[in-house]
C-alpha atoms as a PDB file:
ATOM      1  CA  MET A   1      88.805  98.180 130.870  1.00  0.00           C
ATOM      2  CA  THR A   2      87.055  99.432 127.755  1.00  0.00           C
ATOM      3  CA  GLY A   3      83.772 101.116 126.958  1.00  0.00           C
ATOM      4  CA  GLU A   4      82.378  97.768 125.780  1.00  0.00           C
ATOM      5  CA  ASN A   5      82.262  96.353 129.314  1.00  0.00           C
ATOM      6  CA  PHE A   6      80.777  99.247 131.266  1.00  0.00           C
ATOM      7  CA  THR A   7      78.361 101.795 129.852  1.00  0.00           C
ATOM      8  CA  HIS A   8      79.761 104.664 131.920  1.00  0.00           C
ATOM      9  CA  PHE A   9      83.265 104.372 130.453  1.00  0.00           C
ATOM     10  CA  ASN A  10      84.392 105.384 126.989  1.00  0.00           C
ATOM     11  CA  LYS A  11      86.846 103.434 124.811  1.00  0.00           C
ATOM     12  CA  GLN A  12      89.743 105.070 126.644  1.00  0.00           C
ATOM     13  CA  GLY A  13      88.398 103.919 130.007  1.00  0.00           C
ATOM     14  CA  ARG A  14      87.345 107.408 131.107  1.00  0.00           C
ATOM     15  CA  GLY A  15      83.975 108.312 132.550  1.00  0.00           C
ATOM     16  CA  ARG A  16      81.174 109.455 130.311  1.00  0.00           C
ATOM     17  CA  MET A  17      77.474 110.144 130.495  1.00  0.00           C
ATOM     18  CA  VAL A  18      75.638 107.381 128.634  1.00  0.00           C
ATOM     19  CA  ASP A  19      73.947 108.484 125.413  1.00  0.00           C
ATOM     20  CA  VAL A  20      70.230 107.716 125.757  1.00  0.00           C
ATOM     21  CA  THR A  21      69.215 109.374 122.491  1.00  0.00           C
ATOM     22  CA  GLY A  22      68.089 106.109 120.890  1.00  0.00           C
ATOM     23  CA  LYS A  23      66.120 104.832 123.885  1.00  0.00           C
ATOM     24  CA  ASP A  24      62.335 104.811 123.895  1.00  0.00           C
ATOM     25  CA  ILE A  25      60.446 107.169 126.165  1.00  0.00           C
ATOM     26  CA  THR A  26      58.605 104.980 128.666  1.00  0.00           C
ATOM     27  CA  HIS A  27      56.998 105.248 132.095  1.00  0.00           C
ATOM     28  CA  ARG A  28      59.597 104.308 134.673  1.00  0.00           C
ATOM     29  CA  LEU A  29      59.423 103.731 138.406  1.00  0.00           C
ATOM     30  CA  ALA A  30      62.048 103.021 141.035  1.00  0.00           C
ATOM     31  CA  ARG A  31      61.525 102.243 144.704  1.00  0.00           C
ATOM     32  CA  ALA A  32      64.333 102.243 147.264  1.00  0.00           C
ATOM     33  CA  GLN A  33      64.715 101.739 150.992  1.00  0.00           C
ATOM     34  CA  ALA A  34      67.002 102.725 153.851  1.00  0.00           C
ATOM     35  CA  LYS A  35      66.875 101.668 157.486  1.00  0.00           C
ATOM     36  CA  ILE A  36      67.932 103.786 160.458  1.00  0.00           C
ATOM     37  CA  PHE A  37      68.609 101.905 163.676  1.00  0.00           C
ATOM     38  CA  MET A  38      68.516 103.928 166.893  1.00  0.00           C
ATOM     39  CA  LYS A  39      67.825 103.876 170.588  1.00  0.00           C
ATOM     40  CA  LYS A  40      64.296 102.995 171.644  1.00  0.00           C
ATOM     41  CA  GLU A  41      63.882 106.461 173.198  1.00  0.00           C
ATOM     42  CA  THR A  42      64.928 108.190 169.972  1.00  0.00           C
ATOM     43  CA  LEU A  43      62.416 106.224 167.922  1.00  0.00           C
ATOM     44  CA  LYS A  44      59.699 107.120 170.440  1.00  0.00           C
ATOM     45  CA  LYS A  45      60.560 110.838 170.257  1.00  0.00           C
ATOM     46  CA  ILE A  46      60.343 110.753 166.444  1.00  0.00           C
ATOM     47  CA  LYS A  47      57.038 108.879 166.559  1.00  0.00           C
ATOM     48  CA  ASP A  48      55.581 111.205 169.210  1.00  0.00           C
ATOM     49  CA  GLY A  49      56.843 114.320 167.436  1.00  0.00           C
ATOM     50  CA  SER A  50      58.693 115.419 170.566  1.00  0.00           C
ATOM     51  CA  MET A  51      62.203 115.841 169.137  1.00  0.00           C
ATOM     52  CA  ALA A  52      63.558 119.273 170.114  1.00  0.00           C
ATOM     53  CA  LYS A  53      64.425 120.220 166.521  1.00  0.00           C
ATOM     54  CA  GLY A  54      60.828 119.731 165.372  1.00  0.00           C
ATOM     55  CA  ASP A  55      58.952 117.491 162.947  1.00  0.00           C
ATOM     56  CA  VAL A  56      61.659 114.991 161.999  1.00  0.00           C
ATOM     57  CA  LEU A  57      59.606 113.087 159.440  1.00  0.00           C
ATOM     58  CA  GLY A  58      58.192 116.240 157.836  1.00  0.00           C
ATOM     59  CA  VAL A  59      61.651 117.674 157.315  1.00  0.00           C
ATOM     60  CA  ALA A  60      63.044 114.302 156.146  1.00  0.00           C
ATOM     61  CA  GLN A  61      60.169 114.017 153.644  1.00  0.00           C
ATOM     62  CA  VAL A  62      61.038 117.342 152.030  1.00  0.00           C
ATOM     63  CA  ALA A  63      64.777 116.581 152.169  1.00  0.00           C
ATOM     64  CA  GLY A  64      64.222 113.243 150.402  1.00  0.00           C
ATOM     65  CA  ILE A  65      62.210 114.907 147.641  1.00  0.00           C
ATOM     66  CA  LEU A  66      64.925 117.529 147.196  1.00  0.00           C
ATOM     67  CA  GLY A  67      67.539 114.765 147.142  1.00  0.00           C
ATOM     68  CA  ALA A  68      65.742 113.018 144.278  1.00  0.00           C
ATOM     69  CA  LYS A  69      65.441 116.277 142.344  1.00  0.00           C
ATOM     70  CA  HIS A  70      69.133 117.118 142.842  1.00  0.00           C
ATOM     71  CA  THR A  71      70.589 113.680 142.071  1.00  0.00           C
ATOM     72  CA  PRO A  72      72.399 114.809 138.885  1.00  0.00           C
ATOM     73  CA  ASP A  73      74.103 117.548 140.947  1.00  0.00           C
ATOM     74  CA  LEU A  74      75.489 114.873 143.292  1.00  0.00           C
ATOM     75  CA  ILE A  75      76.130 111.843 141.051  1.00  0.00           C
ATOM     76  CA  PRO A  76      78.285 113.002 138.121  1.00  0.00           C
ATOM     77  CA  MET A  77      77.006 110.702 135.350  1.00  0.00           C
ATOM     78  CA  CYS A  78      73.276 110.940 136.130  1.00  0.00           C
ATOM     79  CA  HIS A  79      71.048 112.594 133.563  1.00  0.00           C
ATOM     80  CA  PRO A  80      68.947 115.576 134.611  1.00  0.00           C
ATOM     81  CA  LEU A  81      65.374 114.265 134.468  1.00  0.00           C
ATOM     82  CA  LEU A  82      61.916 115.773 134.518  1.00  0.00           C
ATOM     83  CA  ILE A  83      60.765 113.683 137.447  1.00  0.00           C
ATOM     84  CA  THR A  84      56.986 113.291 137.437  1.00  0.00           C
ATOM     85  CA  GLY A  85      56.563 112.104 141.015  1.00  0.00           C
ATOM     86  CA  VAL A  86      58.419 111.494 144.283  1.00  0.00           C
ATOM     87  CA  ASP A  87      56.900 110.098 147.459  1.00  0.00           C
ATOM     88  CA  LEU A  88      58.454 108.910 150.699  1.00  0.00           C
ATOM     89  CA  GLU A  89      56.971 106.729 153.404  1.00  0.00           C
ATOM     90  CA  PHE A  90      58.243 106.057 156.913  1.00  0.00           C
ATOM     91  CA  LYS A  91      57.575 102.887 158.890  1.00  0.00           C
ATOM     92  CA  PHE A  92      58.356 102.322 162.550  1.00  0.00           C
ATOM     93  CA  VAL A  93      59.693  98.842 163.326  1.00  0.00           C
ATOM     94  CA  GLU A  94      59.677  99.104 167.091  1.00  0.00           C
ATOM     95  CA  GLU A  95      60.885  95.571 167.812  1.00  0.00           C
ATOM     96  CA  GLN A  96      64.115  96.454 165.944  1.00  0.00           C
ATOM     97  CA  ASN A  97      64.320 100.106 167.093  1.00  0.00           C
ATOM     98  CA  CYS A  98      64.311 100.979 163.427  1.00  0.00           C
ATOM     99  CA  LEU A  99      62.811 103.582 161.137  1.00  0.00           C
ATOM    100  CA  VAL A 100      62.396 102.378 157.559  1.00  0.00           C
ATOM    101  CA  VAL A 101      62.422 104.992 154.800  1.00  0.00           C
ATOM    102  CA  GLU A 102      61.009 104.080 151.404  1.00  0.00           C
ATOM    103  CA  ALA A 103      60.918 106.272 148.316  1.00  0.00           C
ATOM    104  CA  ALA A 104      59.094 105.877 145.021  1.00  0.00           C
ATOM    105  CA  VAL A 105      60.224 108.000 142.078  1.00  0.00           C
ATOM    106  CA  LYS A 106      58.503 108.199 138.686  1.00  0.00           C
ATOM    107  CA  VAL A 107      59.460 109.608 135.329  1.00  0.00           C
ATOM    108  CA  LYS A 108      58.369 109.379 131.719  1.00  0.00           C
ATOM    109  CA  GLY A 109      61.694 109.349 129.939  1.00  0.00           C
ATOM    110  CA  GLN A 110      64.595 107.597 128.273  1.00  0.00           C
ATOM    111  CA  THR A 111      66.441 106.522 131.408  1.00  0.00           C
ATOM    112  CA  GLY A 112      65.493 105.165 134.808  1.00  0.00           C
ATOM    113  CA  VAL A 113      65.211 106.773 138.213  1.00  0.00           C
ATOM    114  CA  GLU A 114      67.008 104.208 140.392  1.00  0.00           C
ATOM    115  CA  MET A 115      69.659 106.701 141.466  1.00  0.00           C
ATOM    116  CA  GLU A 116      67.005 109.287 142.302  1.00  0.00           C
ATOM    117  CA  ALA A 117      65.149 106.818 144.545  1.00  0.00           C
ATOM    118  CA  LEU A 118      68.386 105.741 146.246  1.00  0.00           C
ATOM    119  CA  THR A 119      69.408 109.373 146.744  1.00  0.00           C
ATOM    120  CA  ALA A 120      65.974 110.231 148.160  1.00  0.00           C
ATOM    121  CA  VAL A 121      66.181 107.585 150.911  1.00  0.00           C
ATOM    122  CA  SER A 122      69.823 108.427 151.631  1.00  0.00           C
ATOM    123  CA  ILE A 123      69.158 112.144 152.077  1.00  0.00           C
ATOM    124  CA  ALA A 124      66.012 111.474 154.124  1.00  0.00           C
ATOM    125  CA  ALA A 125      67.945 109.096 156.400  1.00  0.00           C
ATOM    126  CA  LEU A 126      70.781 111.587 156.799  1.00  0.00           C
ATOM    127  CA  THR A 127      68.230 114.259 157.702  1.00  0.00           C
ATOM    128  CA  VAL A 128      66.770 112.023 160.410  1.00  0.00           C
ATOM    129  CA  TYR A 129      70.295 111.519 161.734  1.00  0.00           C
ATOM    130  CA  ASP A 130      70.977 115.266 161.675  1.00  0.00           C
ATOM    131  CA  MET A 131      67.777 116.109 163.516  1.00  0.00           C
ATOM    132  CA  CYS A 132      68.293 113.423 166.181  1.00  0.00           C
ATOM    133  CA  LYS A 133      72.064 113.343 166.689  1.00  0.00           C
ATOM    134  CA  ALA A 134      71.895 115.508 169.808  1.00  0.00           C
ATOM    135  CA  VAL A 135      70.115 112.674 171.632  1.00  0.00           C
ATOM    136  CA  ASP A 136      71.521 109.634 169.791  1.00  0.00           C
ATOM    137  CA  LYS A 137      74.910 109.693 168.099  1.00  0.00           C
ATOM    138  CA  ASP A 138      74.877 105.871 167.856  1.00  0.00           C
ATOM    139  CA  MET A 139      72.240 105.804 165.095  1.00  0.00           C
ATOM    140  CA  GLU A 140      73.185 103.655 162.113  1.00  0.00           C
ATOM    141  CA  ILE A 141      71.957 103.996 158.553  1.00  0.00           C
ATOM    142  CA  ARG A 142      71.950 100.590 156.852  1.00  0.00           C
ATOM    143  CA  GLN A 143      70.619  98.662 153.896  1.00  0.00           C
ATOM    144  CA  ILE A 144      70.273 101.442 151.370  1.00  0.00           C
ATOM    145  CA  ARG A 145      69.018  99.412 148.465  1.00  0.00           C
ATOM    146  CA  LEU A 146      66.859  99.291 145.380  1.00  0.00           C
ATOM    147  CA  LEU A 147      63.570  97.474 145.966  1.00  0.00           C
ATOM    148  CA  GLU A 148      62.004  97.706 142.534  1.00  0.00           C
ATOM    149  CA  LYS A 149      62.529  99.123 139.059  1.00  0.00           C
ATOM    150  CA  LYS A 150      59.974  99.176 136.249  1.00  0.00           C
ATOM    151  CA  GLY A 151      60.172 100.366 132.667  1.00  0.00           C
ATOM    152  CA  GLY A 152      62.839 100.553 130.046  1.00  0.00           C
ATOM    153  CA  LYS A 153      64.642  97.918 128.042  1.00  0.00           C
ATOM    154  CA  SER A 154      65.892  95.893 131.008  1.00  0.00           C
ATOM    155  CA  GLY A 155      62.347  95.313 132.242  1.00  0.00           C
ATOM    156  CA  HIS A 156      61.057  94.783 135.743  1.00  0.00           C
ATOM    157  CA  PHE A 157      63.341  94.199 138.726  1.00  0.00           C
ATOM    158  CA  TYR A 158      61.817  93.314 142.071  1.00  0.00           C
ATOM    159  CA  ARG A 159      63.784  92.489 145.207  1.00  0.00           C
ATOM    160  CA  GLY A 160      61.817  89.674 146.711  1.00  0.00           C
ATOM    161  CA  ASP A 161      63.661  89.618 150.032  1.00  0.00           C
ATOM    162  CA  HIS A 162      62.646  93.016 151.382  1.00  0.00           C
ATOM    163  CA  THR A 163      60.672  93.251 154.545  1.00  0.00           C
ATOM    164  CA  SER A 164      60.159  96.180 156.865  1.00  0.00           C
END
């Protein structure tokens, strides 16, 4: 394995942070999603705001934003970025006993924010789990995935198969 095949490896096959010096500064956006499957009663408590630990979605919102901002502290080869916007949305899919978490992250820079969006939904989902585990240890976090990426040399990526 050489540096020619994978951008995060040098010629000796060791990890490196990619040099983005020559890249253009562009507006970039990434959207990601995670799904948390749980008992019907747990979903109802989150929706009604009656979970004993408090406002689950409010805390998960802040946790997701913090996750996006701290991505380079968690993922070794990520660049520290001056993120210009982070937003999370939560959707209840009651017929599946599922809470869908979606994050949108924006930056004007030389590298994308896919990892920040993926980290945001992961941390938000883990926060939901943490706040609800006393009543539902069977919760499952699934389908953490990139939905869309805009900007940069590689252009626009859109996952056409995503549904709530």
